[in-house]
C-alpha atoms as a PDB file:
ATOM      1  CA  MET A   1      88.863 107.423 102.687  1.00  0.00           C
ATOM      2  CA  VAL A   2      91.732 105.108 103.614  1.00  0.00           C
ATOM      3  CA  TYR A   3      93.430 105.343 107.010  1.00  0.00           C
ATOM      4  CA  GLN A   4      96.703 103.747 107.991  1.00  0.00           C
ATOM      5  CA  TRP A   5      98.113 103.207 111.473  1.00  0.00           C
ATOM      6  CA  ASP A   6     101.681 102.217 112.310  1.00  0.00           C
ATOM      7  CA  PHE A   7     102.382 100.431 115.579  1.00  0.00           C
ATOM      8  CA  LEU A   8     105.460  99.646 117.642  1.00  0.00           C
ATOM      9  CA  GLY A   9     105.115  97.022 120.348  1.00  0.00           C
ATOM     10  CA  THR A  10     106.134  93.734 121.844  1.00  0.00           C
ATOM     11  CA  LYS A  11     105.993  90.420 120.044  1.00  0.00           C
ATOM     12  CA  ASP A  12     102.960  89.364 122.111  1.00  0.00           C
ATOM     13  CA  LYS A  13     100.977  92.490 121.156  1.00  0.00           C
ATOM     14  CA  GLY A  14     101.951  91.914 117.546  1.00  0.00           C
ATOM     15  CA  ARG A  15     100.594  88.381 117.694  1.00  0.00           C
ATOM     16  CA  GLU A  16      97.333  89.644 119.214  1.00  0.00           C
ATOM     17  CA  THR A  17      97.047  92.121 116.342  1.00  0.00           C
ATOM     18  CA  VAL A  18      97.698  89.403 113.760  1.00  0.00           C
ATOM     19  CA  GLU A  19      94.882  87.308 115.294  1.00  0.00           C
ATOM     20  CA  PHE A  20      92.547  90.331 115.248  1.00  0.00           C
ATOM     21  CA  VAL A  21      93.303  91.102 111.595  1.00  0.00           C
ATOM     22  CA  ASN A  22      92.928  87.452 110.581  1.00  0.00           C
ATOM     23  CA  ASP A  23      89.523  87.339 112.295  1.00  0.00           C
ATOM     24  CA  TYR A  24      88.151  90.651 110.998  1.00  0.00           C
ATOM     25  CA  ALA A  25      89.860  91.397 107.651  1.00  0.00           C
ATOM     26  CA  GLY A  26      87.227  91.767 104.956  1.00  0.00           C
ATOM     27  CA  GLY A  27      84.434  92.131 107.493  1.00  0.00           C
ATOM     28  CA  LEU A  28      82.687  95.361 108.400  1.00  0.00           C
ATOM     29  CA  VAL A  29      84.155  96.881 111.602  1.00  0.00           C
ATOM     30  CA  LYS A  30      83.588 100.053 113.614  1.00  0.00           C
ATOM     31  CA  ILE A  31      86.644 101.950 114.852  1.00  0.00           C
ATOM     32  CA  THR A  32      86.470 104.709 117.476  1.00  0.00           C
ATOM     33  CA  ASP A  33      89.421 107.096 117.666  1.00  0.00           C
ATOM     34  CA  HIS A  34      90.804 109.031 120.641  1.00  0.00           C
ATOM     35  CA  GLU A  35      88.350 111.888 119.953  1.00  0.00           C
ATOM     36  CA  GLU A  36      85.353 109.504 120.035  1.00  0.00           C
ATOM     37  CA  VAL A  37      84.877 109.795 116.244  1.00  0.00           C
ATOM     38  CA  GLN A  38      83.457 106.539 114.908  1.00  0.00           C
ATOM     39  CA  ARG A  39      84.189 105.178 111.453  1.00  0.00           C
ATOM     40  CA  ILE A  40      82.697 102.105 109.797  1.00  0.00           C
ATOM     41  CA  GLY A  41      84.654 100.243 107.150  1.00  0.00           C
ATOM     42  CA  TYR A  42      86.975  97.362 106.352  1.00  0.00           C
ATOM     43  CA  ILE A  43      90.471  96.333 107.402  1.00  0.00           C
ATOM     44  CA  THR A  44      92.215  96.168 104.052  1.00  0.00           C
ATOM     45  CA  ILE A  45      95.591  94.603 104.868  1.00  0.00           C
ATOM     46  CA  ASN A  46      95.828  90.863 105.224  1.00  0.00           C
ATOM     47  CA  PRO A  47      98.114  89.146 105.997  1.00  0.00           C
ATOM     48  CA  ILE A  48      99.734  91.510 108.468  1.00  0.00           C
ATOM     49  CA  GLU A  49     103.508  91.263 108.765  1.00  0.00           C
ATOM     50  CA  LEU A  50     105.559  91.845 111.901  1.00  0.00           C
ATOM     51  CA  SER A  51     109.049  93.213 111.381  1.00  0.00           C
ATOM     52  CA  GLY A  52     111.824  93.970 113.843  1.00  0.00           C
ATOM     53  CA  ASN A  53     114.361  92.294 116.050  1.00  0.00           C
ATOM     54  CA  GLY A  54     115.717  94.799 118.570  1.00  0.00           C
ATOM     55  CA  ARG A  55     115.317  94.559 122.306  1.00  0.00           C
ATOM     56  CA  ALA A  56     112.263  96.251 123.749  1.00  0.00           C
ATOM     57  CA  GLY A  57     113.926  99.013 125.768  1.00  0.00           C
ATOM     58  CA  GLY A  58     110.980 100.410 127.734  1.00  0.00           C
ATOM     59  CA  TYR A  59     108.807  97.341 127.423  1.00  0.00           C
ATOM     60  CA  PRO A  60     108.579  94.557 130.007  1.00  0.00           C
ATOM     61  CA  SER A  61     110.343  91.931 127.887  1.00  0.00           C
ATOM     62  CA  GLY A  62     110.806  90.509 124.415  1.00  0.00           C
ATOM     63  CA  GLU A  63     111.604  92.165 121.130  1.00  0.00           C
ATOM     64  CA  VAL A  64     110.290  95.330 119.484  1.00  0.00           C
ATOM     65  CA  TYR A  65     108.122  94.818 116.405  1.00  0.00           C
ATOM     66  CA  ARG A  66     106.550  97.203 113.898  1.00  0.00           C
ATOM     67  CA  TRP A  67     103.344  96.611 111.968  1.00  0.00           C
ATOM     68  CA  THR A  68     100.825  98.585 109.944  1.00  0.00           C
ATOM     69  CA  ILE A  69      97.047  98.306 109.659  1.00  0.00           C
ATOM     70  CA  SER A  70      95.046  99.899 106.829  1.00  0.00           C
ATOM     71  CA  PHE A  71      91.349 100.701 107.099  1.00  0.00           C
ATOM     72  CA  GLU A  72      89.032 101.725 104.261  1.00  0.00           C
ATOM     73  CA  GLU A  73      86.023 103.732 105.394  1.00  0.00           C
ATOM     74  CA  LYS A  74      82.645 102.704 103.988  1.00  0.00           C
ATOM     75  CA  VAL A  75      80.955 105.602 102.217  1.00  0.00           C
END
């Protein structure tokens, strides 16, 4: 099964996510969701792209960016 998550955040959080994806894409990872369900699989999107340029209204500072991460569960 393939999962996809869309994020909205600051430029700094986007950069952290890019570093995470660059480090772990193609490698086996375990993801735990908000209901404590664990899934083992692979991050399948690399490179990750940040898009956006508006001001971050409710955020401390910087611009608002959107990005998506895909995850393919190992069966």
